[in-house]
Structure formats: C-alpha cells, structure tokens
PDB file of all heavy atoms in Angstrom:
ATOM      1  N   ALA A   1     139.086 -60.391 211.351  1.00  0.00           N
ATOM      2  CA  ALA A   1     139.171 -61.608 210.531  1.00  0.00           C
ATOM      3  C   ALA A   1     139.577 -61.268 209.099  1.00  0.00           C
ATOM      4  O   ALA A   1     140.414 -61.964 208.499  1.00  0.00           O
ATOM      5  CB  ALA A   1     137.831 -62.350 210.547  1.00  0.00           C
ATOM      6  N   GLU A   2     139.020 -60.200 208.551  1.00  0.00           N
ATOM      7  CA  GLU A   2     139.354 -59.792 207.185  1.00  0.00           C
ATOM      8  C   GLU A   2     140.797 -59.309 207.091  1.00  0.00           C
ATOM      9  O   GLU A   2     141.509 -59.620 206.132  1.00  0.00           O
ATOM     10  CB  GLU A   2     138.397 -58.694 206.699  1.00  0.00           C
ATOM     11  CG  GLU A   2     136.955 -59.134 206.565  1.00  0.00           C
ATOM     12  CD  GLU A   2     136.739 -60.187 205.498  1.00  0.00           C
ATOM     13  OE1 GLU A   2     137.445 -60.161 204.473  1.00  0.00           O
ATOM     14  OE2 GLU A   2     135.848 -61.039 205.687  1.00  0.00           O
ATOM     15  N   ALA A   3     141.255 -58.550 208.088  1.00  0.00           N
ATOM     16  CA  ALA A   3     142.634 -58.058 208.092  1.00  0.00           C
ATOM     17  C   ALA A   3     143.622 -59.215 208.216  1.00  0.00           C
ATOM     18  O   ALA A   3     144.671 -59.217 207.563  1.00  0.00           O
ATOM     19  CB  ALA A   3     142.842 -57.063 209.233  1.00  0.00           C
ATOM     20  N   ARG A   4     143.285 -60.187 209.040  1.00  0.00           N
ATOM     21  CA  ARG A   4     144.146 -61.366 209.193  1.00  0.00           C
ATOM     22  C   ARG A   4     144.200 -62.147 207.882  1.00  0.00           C
ATOM     23  O   ARG A   4     145.260 -62.554 207.429  1.00  0.00           O
ATOM     24  CB  ARG A   4     143.647 -62.262 210.321  1.00  0.00           C
ATOM     25  CG  ARG A   4     144.542 -63.470 210.534  1.00  0.00           C
ATOM     26  CD  ARG A   4     144.074 -64.392 211.645  1.00  0.00           C
ATOM     27  NE  ARG A   4     144.095 -63.712 212.932  1.00  0.00           N
ATOM     28  CZ  ARG A   4     143.011 -63.466 213.673  1.00  0.00           C
ATOM     29  NH1 ARG A   4     141.820 -63.869 213.277  1.00  0.00           N
ATOM     30  NH2 ARG A   4     143.107 -62.839 214.816  1.00  0.00           N
ATOM     31  N   ARG A   5     143.043 -62.341 207.252  1.00  0.00           N
ATOM     32  CA  ARG A   5     142.963 -63.111 206.012  1.00  0.00           C
ATOM     33  C   ARG A   5     143.772 -62.467 204.889  1.00  0.00           C
ATOM     34  O   ARG A   5     144.462 -63.151 204.144  1.00  0.00           O
ATOM     35  CB  ARG A   5     141.502 -63.248 205.575  1.00  0.00           C
ATOM     36  CG  ARG A   5     141.292 -64.099 204.334  1.00  0.00           C
ATOM     37  CD  ARG A   5     139.846 -64.109 203.877  1.00  0.00           C
ATOM     38  NE  ARG A   5     139.307 -62.792 203.582  1.00  0.00           N
ATOM     39  CZ  ARG A   5     139.606 -62.069 202.493  1.00  0.00           C
ATOM     40  NH1 ARG A   5     140.444 -62.531 201.614  1.00  0.00           N
ATOM     41  NH2 ARG A   5     139.057 -60.888 202.313  1.00  0.00           N
ATOM     42  N   SER A   6     143.723 -61.140 204.795  1.00  0.00           N
ATOM     43  CA  SER A   6     144.412 -60.458 203.699  1.00  0.00           C
ATOM     44  C   SER A   6     145.762 -59.868 204.101  1.00  0.00           C
ATOM     45  O   SER A   6     146.408 -59.210 203.284  1.00  0.00           O
ATOM     46  CB  SER A   6     143.515 -59.356 203.127  1.00  0.00           C
ATOM     47  OG  SER A   6     143.237 -58.387 204.110  1.00  0.00           O
ATOM     48  N   SER A   7     146.175 -60.097 205.354  1.00  0.00           N
ATOM     49  CA  SER A   7     147.460 -59.572 205.859  1.00  0.00           C
ATOM     50  C   SER A   7     147.609 -58.079 205.564  1.00  0.00           C
ATOM     51  O   SER A   7     148.605 -57.641 204.986  1.00  0.00           O
ATOM     52  CB  SER A   7     148.630 -60.351 205.259  1.00  0.00           C
ATOM     53  OG  SER A   7     148.560 -61.696 205.613  1.00  0.00           O
ATOM     54  N   THR A   8     146.614 -57.330 205.958  1.00  0.00           N
ATOM     55  CA  THR A   8     146.625 -55.891 205.694  1.00  0.00           C
ATOM     56  C   THR A   8     146.400 -55.110 206.983  1.00  0.00           C
ATOM     57  O   THR A   8     146.040 -55.667 208.011  1.00  0.00           O
ATOM     58  CB  THR A   8     145.559 -55.538 204.627  1.00  0.00           C
ATOM     59  OG1 THR A   8     145.772 -54.205 204.194  1.00  0.00           O
ATOM     60  CG2 THR A   8     144.160 -55.680 205.172  1.00  0.00           C
ATOM     61  N   THR A   9     146.619 -53.819 206.920  1.00  0.00           N
ATOM     62  CA  THR A   9     146.453 -52.927 208.066  1.00  0.00           C
ATOM     63  C   THR A   9     144.975 -52.684 208.352  1.00  0.00           C
ATOM     64  O   THR A   9     144.177 -52.515 207.426  1.00  0.00           O
ATOM     65  CB  THR A   9     147.148 -51.576 207.800  1.00  0.00           C
ATOM     66  OG1 THR A   9     148.531 -51.813 207.562  1.00  0.00           O
ATOM     67  CG2 THR A   9     146.989 -50.621 208.975  1.00  0.00           C
ATOM     68  N   LEU A  10     144.630 -52.651 209.625  1.00  0.00           N
ATOM     69  CA  LEU A  10     143.274 -52.358 210.057  1.00  0.00           C
ATOM     70  C   LEU A  10     143.246 -50.947 210.644  1.00  0.00           C
ATOM     71  O   LEU A  10     144.013 -50.618 211.547  1.00  0.00           O
ATOM     72  CB  LEU A  10     142.820 -53.373 211.113  1.00  0.00           C
ATOM     73  CG  LEU A  10     141.417 -53.190 211.673  1.00  0.00           C
ATOM     74  CD1 LEU A  10     140.368 -53.266 210.568  1.00  0.00           C
ATOM     75  CD2 LEU A  10     141.137 -54.233 212.736  1.00  0.00           C
ATOM     76  N   LEU A  11     142.374 -50.112 210.108  1.00  0.00           N
ATOM     77  CA  LEU A  11     142.188 -48.753 210.594  1.00  0.00           C
ATOM     78  C   LEU A  11     140.848 -48.682 211.306  1.00  0.00           C
ATOM     79  O   LEU A  11     139.797 -48.854 210.684  1.00  0.00           O
ATOM     80  CB  LEU A  11     142.238 -47.752 209.435  1.00  0.00           C
ATOM     81  CG  LEU A  11     141.929 -46.295 209.763  1.00  0.00           C
ATOM     82  CD1 LEU A  11     142.868 -45.750 210.829  1.00  0.00           C
ATOM     83  CD2 LEU A  11     141.994 -45.451 208.497  1.00  0.00           C
ATOM     84  N   VAL A  12     140.881 -48.463 212.609  1.00  0.00           N
ATOM     85  CA  VAL A  12     139.671 -48.384 213.432  1.00  0.00           C
ATOM     86  C   VAL A  12     139.304 -46.910 213.592  1.00  0.00           C
ATOM     87  O   VAL A  12     140.111 -46.118 214.066  1.00  0.00           O
ATOM     88  CB  VAL A  12     139.896 -49.031 214.821  1.00  0.00           C
ATOM     89  CG1 VAL A  12     138.631 -48.935 215.668  1.00  0.00           C
ATOM     90  CG2 VAL A  12     140.359 -50.472 214.682  1.00  0.00           C
ATOM     91  N   ILE A  13     138.081 -46.563 213.173  1.00  0.00           N
ATOM     92  CA  ILE A  13     137.587 -45.189 213.292  1.00  0.00           C
ATOM     93  C   ILE A  13     136.461 -45.156 214.319  1.00  0.00           C
ATOM     94  O   ILE A  13     135.459 -45.842 214.181  1.00  0.00           O
ATOM     95  CB  ILE A  13     137.057 -44.651 211.945  1.00  0.00           C
ATOM     96  CG1 ILE A  13     138.140 -44.665 210.874  1.00  0.00           C
ATOM     97  CG2 ILE A  13     136.460 -43.249 212.114  1.00  0.00           C
ATOM     98  CD1 ILE A  13     139.271 -43.700 211.120  1.00  0.00           C
ATOM     99  N   ASN A  14     136.650 -44.344 215.352  1.00  0.00           N
ATOM    100  CA  ASN A  14     135.618 -44.099 216.369  1.00  0.00           C
ATOM    101  C   ASN A  14     135.567 -42.595 216.550  1.00  0.00           C
ATOM    102  O   ASN A  14     136.492 -42.005 217.084  1.00  0.00           O
ATOM    103  CB  ASN A  14     135.967 -44.802 217.687  1.00  0.00           C
ATOM    104  CG  ASN A  14     135.020 -44.428 218.803  1.00  0.00           C
ATOM    105  OD1 ASN A  14     135.423 -43.759 219.744  1.00  0.00           O
ATOM    106  ND2 ASN A  14     133.782 -44.834 218.708  1.00  0.00           N
ATOM    107  N   SER A  15     134.507 -41.969 216.049  1.00  0.00           N
ATOM    108  CA  SER A  15     134.482 -40.512 216.015  1.00  0.00           C
ATOM    109  C   SER A  15     133.331 -39.927 216.812  1.00  0.00           C
ATOM    110  O   SER A  15     132.401 -40.626 217.199  1.00  0.00           O
ATOM    111  CB  SER A  15     134.379 -40.029 214.565  1.00  0.00           C
ATOM    112  OG  SER A  15     133.126 -40.374 214.023  1.00  0.00           O
ATOM    113  N   SER A  16     133.439 -38.625 217.020  1.00  0.00           N
ATOM    114  CA  SER A  16     132.378 -37.856 217.663  1.00  0.00           C
ATOM    115  C   SER A  16     132.343 -36.485 217.001  1.00  0.00           C
ATOM    116  O   SER A  16     133.385 -35.959 216.599  1.00  0.00           O
ATOM    117  CB  SER A  16     132.654 -37.701 219.153  1.00  0.00           C
ATOM    118  OG  SER A  16     131.681 -36.864 219.759  1.00  0.00           O
ATOM    119  N   ARG A  17     131.153 -35.942 216.897  1.00  0.00           N
ATOM    120  CA  ARG A  17     131.053 -34.583 216.384  1.00  0.00           C
ATOM    121  C   ARG A  17     131.656 -33.587 217.365  1.00  0.00           C
ATOM    122  O   ARG A  17     132.110 -32.527 216.984  1.00  0.00           O
ATOM    123  CB  ARG A  17     129.591 -34.205 216.155  1.00  0.00           C
ATOM    124  CG  ARG A  17     128.984 -34.812 214.944  1.00  0.00           C
ATOM    125  CD  ARG A  17     127.535 -34.339 214.827  1.00  0.00           C
ATOM    126  NE  ARG A  17     126.893 -34.991 213.733  1.00  0.00           N
ATOM    127  CZ  ARG A  17     126.444 -34.357 212.660  1.00  0.00           C
ATOM    128  NH1 ARG A  17     126.558 -33.063 212.580  1.00  0.00           N
ATOM    129  NH2 ARG A  17     125.876 -35.020 211.688  1.00  0.00           N
ATOM    130  N   GLY A  18     131.590 -33.932 218.651  1.00  0.00           N
ATOM    131  CA  GLY A  18     132.104 -33.028 219.668  1.00  0.00           C
ATOM    132  C   GLY A  18     131.105 -31.968 220.078  1.00  0.00           C
ATOM    133  O   GLY A  18     131.468 -30.988 220.727  1.00  0.00           O
ATOM    134  N   ASP A  19     129.840 -32.180 219.735  1.00  0.00           N
ATOM    135  CA  ASP A  19     128.832 -31.163 220.028  1.00  0.00           C
ATOM    136  C   ASP A  19     127.967 -31.488 221.244  1.00  0.00           C
ATOM    137  O   ASP A  19     126.961 -30.834 221.484  1.00  0.00           O
ATOM    138  CB  ASP A  19     127.942 -30.929 218.802  1.00  0.00           C
ATOM    139  CG  ASP A  19     127.228 -32.186 218.333  1.00  0.00           C
ATOM    140  OD1 ASP A  19     127.490 -33.269 218.884  1.00  0.00           O
ATOM    141  OD2 ASP A  19     126.412 -32.089 217.395  1.00  0.00           O
ATOM    142  N   ALA A  20     128.358 -32.505 222.007  1.00  0.00           N
ATOM    143  CA  ALA A  20     127.610 -32.874 223.210  1.00  0.00           C
ATOM    144  C   ALA A  20     128.586 -33.149 224.343  1.00  0.00           C
ATOM    145  O   ALA A  20     129.730 -33.538 224.112  1.00  0.00           O
ATOM    146  CB  ALA A  20     126.769 -34.121 222.941  1.00  0.00           C
ATOM    147  N   LEU A  21     128.129 -32.919 225.566  1.00  0.00           N
ATOM    148  CA  LEU A  21     128.991 -33.187 226.717  1.00  0.00           C
ATOM    149  C   LEU A  21     129.273 -34.667 226.867  1.00  0.00           C
ATOM    150  O   LEU A  21     130.359 -35.063 227.293  1.00  0.00           O
ATOM    151  CB  LEU A  21     128.355 -32.643 227.997  1.00  0.00           C
ATOM    152  CG  LEU A  21     128.248 -31.120 228.081  1.00  0.00           C
ATOM    153  CD1 LEU A  21     127.494 -30.711 229.331  1.00  0.00           C
ATOM    154  CD2 LEU A  21     129.625 -30.485 228.034  1.00  0.00           C
ATOM    155  N   VAL A  22     128.290 -35.508 226.540  1.00  0.00           N
ATOM    156  CA  VAL A  22     128.460 -36.960 226.629  1.00  0.00           C
ATOM    157  C   VAL A  22     128.045 -37.571 225.294  1.00  0.00           C
ATOM    158  O   VAL A  22     126.973 -37.296 224.781  1.00  0.00           O
ATOM    159  CB  VAL A  22     127.591 -37.550 227.765  1.00  0.00           C
ATOM    160  CG1 VAL A  22     127.705 -39.059 227.794  1.00  0.00           C
ATOM    161  CG2 VAL A  22     127.971 -36.944 229.107  1.00  0.00           C
ATOM    162  N   ASP A  23     128.915 -38.391 224.739  1.00  0.00           N
ATOM    163  CA  ASP A  23     128.629 -39.101 223.494  1.00  0.00           C
ATOM    164  C   ASP A  23     128.890 -40.575 223.752  1.00  0.00           C
ATOM    165  O   ASP A  23     130.044 -41.011 223.797  1.00  0.00           O
ATOM    166  CB  ASP A  23     129.506 -38.570 222.357  1.00  0.00           C
ATOM    167  CG  ASP A  23     129.186 -39.198 221.017  1.00  0.00           C
ATOM    168  OD1 ASP A  23     128.417 -40.189 220.973  1.00  0.00           O
ATOM    169  OD2 ASP A  23     129.713 -38.709 219.999  1.00  0.00           O
ATOM    170  N   ASN A  24     127.820 -41.358 223.941  1.00  0.00           N
ATOM    171  CA  ASN A  24     127.965 -42.777 224.278  1.00  0.00           C
ATOM    172  C   ASN A  24     128.572 -43.598 223.143  1.00  0.00           C
ATOM    173  O   ASN A  24     128.989 -44.728 223.357  1.00  0.00           O
ATOM    174  CB  ASN A  24     126.600 -43.368 224.662  1.00  0.00           C
ATOM    175  CG  ASN A  24     126.089 -42.793 225.957  1.00  0.00           C
ATOM    176  OD1 ASN A  24     126.868 -42.376 226.816  1.00  0.00           O
ATOM    177  ND2 ASN A  24     124.778 -42.743 226.101  1.00  0.00           N
ATOM    178  N   ARG A  25     128.613 -43.055 221.949  1.00  0.00           N
ATOM    179  CA  ARG A  25     129.196 -43.775 220.812  1.00  0.00           C
ATOM    180  C   ARG A  25     130.697 -43.519 220.687  1.00  0.00           C
ATOM    181  O   ARG A  25     131.367 -44.147 219.884  1.00  0.00           O
ATOM    182  CB  ARG A  25     128.458 -43.387 219.532  1.00  0.00           C
ATOM    183  CG  ARG A  25     126.948 -43.729 219.672  1.00  0.00           C
ATOM    184  CD  ARG A  25     126.122 -43.297 218.519  1.00  0.00           C
ATOM    185  NE  ARG A  25     126.400 -44.009 217.294  1.00  0.00           N
ATOM    186  CZ  ARG A  25     125.993 -45.249 217.013  1.00  0.00           C
ATOM    187  NH1 ARG A  25     125.275 -45.907 217.884  1.00  0.00           N
ATOM    188  NH2 ARG A  25     126.286 -45.813 215.865  1.00  0.00           N
ATOM    189  N   TYR A  26     131.221 -42.603 221.483  1.00  0.00           N
ATOM    190  CA  TYR A  26     132.650 -42.299 221.494  1.00  0.00           C
ATOM    191  C   TYR A  26     133.300 -43.151 222.585  1.00  0.00           C
ATOM    192  O   TYR A  26     132.976 -43.022 223.761  1.00  0.00           O
ATOM    193  CB  TYR A  26     132.866 -40.813 221.767  1.00  0.00           C
ATOM    194  CG  TYR A  26     134.262 -40.323 221.477  1.00  0.00           C
ATOM    195  CD1 TYR A  26     134.734 -40.255 220.173  1.00  0.00           C
ATOM    196  CD2 TYR A  26     135.089 -39.919 222.501  1.00  0.00           C
ATOM    197  CE1 TYR A  26     136.002 -39.785 219.899  1.00  0.00           C
ATOM    198  CE2 TYR A  26     136.366 -39.442 222.238  1.00  0.00           C
ATOM    199  CZ  TYR A  26     136.814 -39.384 220.935  1.00  0.00           C
ATOM    200  OH  TYR A  26     138.072 -38.920 220.666  1.00  0.00           O
ATOM    201  N   ALA A  27     134.182 -44.040 222.184  1.00  0.00           N
ATOM    202  CA  ALA A  27     134.789 -44.992 223.120  1.00  0.00           C
ATOM    203  C   ALA A  27     135.682 -44.281 224.132  1.00  0.00           C
ATOM    204  O   ALA A  27     136.418 -43.354 223.787  1.00  0.00           O
ATOM    205  CB  ALA A  27     135.595 -46.037 222.354  1.00  0.00           C
ATOM    206  N   GLN A  28     135.599 -44.733 225.355  1.00  0.00           N
ATOM    207  CA  GLN A  28     136.429 -44.199 226.427  1.00  0.00           C
ATOM    208  C   GLN A  28     137.835 -44.795 226.352  1.00  0.00           C
ATOM    209  O   GLN A  28     138.080 -45.776 225.656  1.00  0.00           O
ATOM    210  CB  GLN A  28     135.789 -44.506 227.787  1.00  0.00           C
ATOM    211  CG  GLN A  28     134.417 -43.885 227.962  1.00  0.00           C
ATOM    212  CD  GLN A  28     134.444 -42.370 227.831  1.00  0.00           C
ATOM    213  OE1 GLN A  28     135.225 -41.707 228.493  1.00  0.00           O
ATOM    214  NE2 GLN A  28     133.605 -41.839 226.960  1.00  0.00           N
ATOM    215  N   GLU A  29     138.745 -44.199 227.091  1.00  0.00           N
ATOM    216  CA  GLU A  29     140.151 -44.602 227.048  1.00  0.00           C
ATOM    217  C   GLU A  29     140.353 -46.086 227.334  1.00  0.00           C
ATOM    218  O   GLU A  29     141.122 -46.761 226.650  1.00  0.00           O
ATOM    219  CB  GLU A  29     140.949 -43.762 228.053  1.00  0.00           C
ATOM    220  CG  GLU A  29     142.439 -43.972 227.977  1.00  0.00           C
ATOM    221  CD  GLU A  29     143.203 -43.057 228.918  1.00  0.00           C
ATOM    222  OE1 GLU A  29     142.725 -41.946 229.226  1.00  0.00           O
ATOM    223  OE2 GLU A  29     144.292 -43.476 229.346  1.00  0.00           O
ATOM    224  N   GLN A  30     139.641 -46.632 228.335  1.00  0.00           N
ATOM    225  CA  GLN A  30     139.811 -48.045 228.670  1.00  0.00           C
ATOM    226  C   GLN A  30     139.292 -48.961 227.567  1.00  0.00           C
ATOM    227  O   GLN A  30     139.844 -50.039 227.329  1.00  0.00           O
ATOM    228  CB  GLN A  30     139.172 -48.400 230.024  1.00  0.00           C
ATOM    229  CG  GLN A  30     137.677 -48.241 230.104  1.00  0.00           C
ATOM    230  CD  GLN A  30     137.217 -46.846 230.493  1.00  0.00           C
ATOM    231  OE1 GLN A  30     137.967 -45.878 230.402  1.00  0.00           O
ATOM    232  NE2 GLN A  30     135.972 -46.728 230.923  1.00  0.00           N
ATOM    233  N   GLU A  31     138.251 -48.520 226.847  1.00  0.00           N
ATOM    234  CA  GLU A  31     137.739 -49.311 225.719  1.00  0.00           C
ATOM    235  C   GLU A  31     138.738 -49.314 224.562  1.00  0.00           C
ATOM    236  O   GLU A  31     138.981 -50.358 223.945  1.00  0.00           O
ATOM    237  CB  GLU A  31     136.392 -48.748 225.246  1.00  0.00           C
ATOM    238  CG  GLU A  31     135.281 -48.924 226.258  1.00  0.00           C
ATOM    239  CD  GLU A  31     134.065 -48.071 225.951  1.00  0.00           C
ATOM    240  OE1 GLU A  31     134.216 -46.887 225.585  1.00  0.00           O
ATOM    241  OE2 GLU A  31     132.954 -48.602 226.080  1.00  0.00           O
ATOM    242  N   ILE A  32     139.330 -48.171 224.299  1.00  0.00           N
ATOM    243  CA  ILE A  32     140.341 -48.080 223.235  1.00  0.00           C
ATOM    244  C   ILE A  32     141.560 -48.909 223.596  1.00  0.00           C
ATOM    245  O   ILE A  32     142.124 -49.611 222.750  1.00  0.00           O
ATOM    246  CB  ILE A  32     140.719 -46.605 222.963  1.00  0.00           C
ATOM    247  CG1 ILE A  32     139.517 -45.863 222.371  1.00  0.00           C
ATOM    248  CG2 ILE A  32     141.934 -46.508 222.064  1.00  0.00           C
ATOM    249  CD1 ILE A  32     139.024 -46.388 221.037  1.00  0.00           C
ATOM    250  N   GLN A  33     141.963 -48.864 224.859  1.00  0.00           N
ATOM    251  CA  GLN A  33     143.119 -49.670 225.287  1.00  0.00           C
ATOM    252  C   GLN A  33     142.827 -51.157 225.143  1.00  0.00           C
ATOM    253  O   GLN A  33     143.693 -51.932 224.748  1.00  0.00           O
ATOM    254  CB  GLN A  33     143.502 -49.343 226.739  1.00  0.00           C
ATOM    255  CG  GLN A  33     144.790 -50.018 227.176  1.00  0.00           C
ATOM    256  CD  GLN A  33     145.974 -49.631 226.316  1.00  0.00           C
ATOM    257  OE1 GLN A  33     146.251 -48.450 226.123  1.00  0.00           O
ATOM    258  NE2 GLN A  33     146.680 -50.609 225.772  1.00  0.00           N
ATOM    259  N   SER A  34     141.608 -51.562 225.427  1.00  0.00           N
ATOM    260  CA  SER A  34     141.215 -52.957 225.263  1.00  0.00           C
ATOM    261  C   SER A  34     141.298 -53.384 223.797  1.00  0.00           C
ATOM    262  O   SER A  34     141.775 -54.484 223.483  1.00  0.00           O
ATOM    263  CB  SER A  34     139.790 -53.157 225.794  1.00  0.00           C
ATOM    264  OG  SER A  34     139.353 -54.468 225.567  1.00  0.00           O
ATOM    265  N   ILE A  35     140.856 -52.521 222.893  1.00  0.00           N
ATOM    266  CA  ILE A  35     140.962 -52.811 221.457  1.00  0.00           C
ATOM    267  C   ILE A  35     142.420 -52.876 221.051  1.00  0.00           C
ATOM    268  O   ILE A  35     142.835 -53.787 220.313  1.00  0.00           O
ATOM    269  CB  ILE A  35     140.206 -51.746 220.630  1.00  0.00           C
ATOM    270  CG1 ILE A  35     138.713 -51.827 220.910  1.00  0.00           C
ATOM    271  CG2 ILE A  35     140.500 -51.909 219.138  1.00  0.00           C
ATOM    272  CD1 ILE A  35     137.921 -50.658 220.357  1.00  0.00           C
ATOM    273  N   GLU A  36     143.201 -51.928 221.515  1.00  0.00           N
ATOM    274  CA  GLU A  36     144.649 -51.904 221.229  1.00  0.00           C
ATOM    275  C   GLU A  36     145.304 -53.209 221.664  1.00  0.00           C
ATOM    276  O   GLU A  36     146.050 -53.833 220.894  1.00  0.00           O
ATOM    277  CB  GLU A  36     145.288 -50.713 221.949  1.00  0.00           C
ATOM    278  CG  GLU A  36     146.772 -50.587 221.761  1.00  0.00           C
ATOM    279  CD  GLU A  36     147.154 -49.994 220.418  1.00  0.00           C
ATOM    280  OE1 GLU A  36     146.457 -49.088 219.943  1.00  0.00           O
ATOM    281  OE2 GLU A  36     148.150 -50.462 219.844  1.00  0.00           O
ATOM    282  N   ASP A  37     145.014 -53.650 222.879  1.00  0.00           N
ATOM    283  CA  ASP A  37     145.582 -54.898 223.396  1.00  0.00           C
ATOM    284  C   ASP A  37     145.120 -56.103 222.574  1.00  0.00           C
ATOM    285  O   ASP A  37     145.923 -56.993 222.263  1.00  0.00           O
ATOM    286  CB  ASP A  37     145.191 -55.102 224.860  1.00  0.00           C
ATOM    287  CG  ASP A  37     145.791 -54.059 225.786  1.00  0.00           C
ATOM    288  OD1 ASP A  37     146.738 -53.356 225.364  1.00  0.00           O
ATOM    289  OD2 ASP A  37     145.289 -53.928 226.921  1.00  0.00           O
ATOM    290  N   ARG A  38     143.844 -56.113 222.223  1.00  0.00           N
ATOM    291  CA  ARG A  38     143.286 -57.221 221.431  1.00  0.00           C
ATOM    292  C   ARG A  38     143.974 -57.335 220.070  1.00  0.00           C
ATOM    293  O   ARG A  38     144.345 -58.425 219.626  1.00  0.00           O
ATOM    294  CB  ARG A  38     141.789 -56.982 221.256  1.00  0.00           C
ATOM    295  CG  ARG A  38     141.046 -58.021 220.468  1.00  0.00           C
ATOM    296  CD  ARG A  38     139.573 -57.670 220.457  1.00  0.00           C
ATOM    297  NE  ARG A  38     138.804 -58.513 219.585  1.00  0.00           N
ATOM    298  CZ  ARG A  38     137.545 -58.304 219.267  1.00  0.00           C
ATOM    299  NH1 ARG A  38     136.898 -57.266 219.781  1.00  0.00           N
ATOM    300  NH2 ARG A  38     136.913 -59.120 218.456  1.00  0.00           N
ATOM    301  N   LEU A  39     144.154 -56.206 219.403  1.00  0.00           N
ATOM    302  CA  LEU A  39     144.789 -56.207 218.085  1.00  0.00           C
ATOM    303  C   LEU A  39     146.271 -56.563 218.172  1.00  0.00           C
ATOM    304  O   LEU A  39     146.783 -57.320 217.342  1.00  0.00           O
ATOM    305  CB  LEU A  39     144.589 -54.853 217.401  1.00  0.00           C
ATOM    306  CG  LEU A  39     143.138 -54.494 217.067  1.00  0.00           C
ATOM    307  CD1 LEU A  39     143.032 -53.052 216.608  1.00  0.00           C
ATOM    308  CD2 LEU A  39     142.579 -55.438 216.028  1.00  0.00           C
ATOM    309  N   ALA A  40     146.948 -56.039 219.182  1.00  0.00           N
ATOM    310  CA  ALA A  40     148.372 -56.346 219.354  1.00  0.00           C
ATOM    311  C   ALA A  40     148.576 -57.821 219.661  1.00  0.00           C
ATOM    312  O   ALA A  40     149.484 -58.463 219.113  1.00  0.00           O
ATOM    313  CB  ALA A  40     148.961 -55.471 220.460  1.00  0.00           C
ATOM    314  N   THR A  41     147.741 -58.371 220.528  1.00  0.00           N
ATOM    315  CA  THR A  41     147.836 -59.788 220.889  1.00  0.00           C
ATOM    316  C   THR A  41     147.642 -60.683 219.672  1.00  0.00           C
ATOM    317  O   THR A  41     148.295 -61.713 219.536  1.00  0.00           O
ATOM    318  CB  THR A  41     146.783 -60.138 221.959  1.00  0.00           C
ATOM    319  OG1 THR A  41     147.038 -59.349 223.128  1.00  0.00           O
ATOM    320  CG2 THR A  41     146.820 -61.605 222.323  1.00  0.00           C
ATOM    321  N   GLN A  42     146.758 -60.268 218.769  1.00  0.00           N
ATOM    322  CA  GLN A  42     146.478 -61.071 217.576  1.00  0.00           C
ATOM    323  C   GLN A  42     147.439 -60.771 216.423  1.00  0.00           C
ATOM    324  O   GLN A  42     147.313 -61.349 215.346  1.00  0.00           O
ATOM    325  CB  GLN A  42     145.034 -60.864 217.136  1.00  0.00           C
ATOM    326  CG  GLN A  42     144.043 -61.376 218.168  1.00  0.00           C
ATOM    327  CD  GLN A  42     142.625 -61.330 217.668  1.00  0.00           C
ATOM    328  OE1 GLN A  42     142.352 -61.580 216.511  1.00  0.00           O
ATOM    329  NE2 GLN A  42     141.709 -61.003 218.561  1.00  0.00           N
ATOM    330  N   GLY A  43     148.375 -59.854 216.651  1.00  0.00           N
ATOM    331  CA  GLY A  43     149.369 -59.554 215.630  1.00  0.00           C
ATOM    332  C   GLY A  43     148.827 -58.794 214.436  1.00  0.00           C
ATOM    333  O   GLY A  43     149.364 -58.890 213.334  1.00  0.00           O
TER     334      GLY A  43
END
C-alpha cells in the first residue's frame, strides 16, 4: 500500500543466518513465487 501510494520500488527482504538445517522464517520457493506474482499483478 505504501509503495503504491508513493509510486516507489518495494524491496522485500527475507533472510536466514544459514546456521540451521530448517529455518521456518525463510520463505520457500513457492512462497516467494506467490509474492512475486502478487506484486507483478498489482504493478
């Protein structure tokens, strides 16, 4: 909503330290693709 209002670029950061075999806070490929599609659809 803020990016749309100000017509600016949105930078999405989803990181992991990489120190665990499983990090539930690190988005999987299908979740990232869903975000990508959502942002592209909304321009």
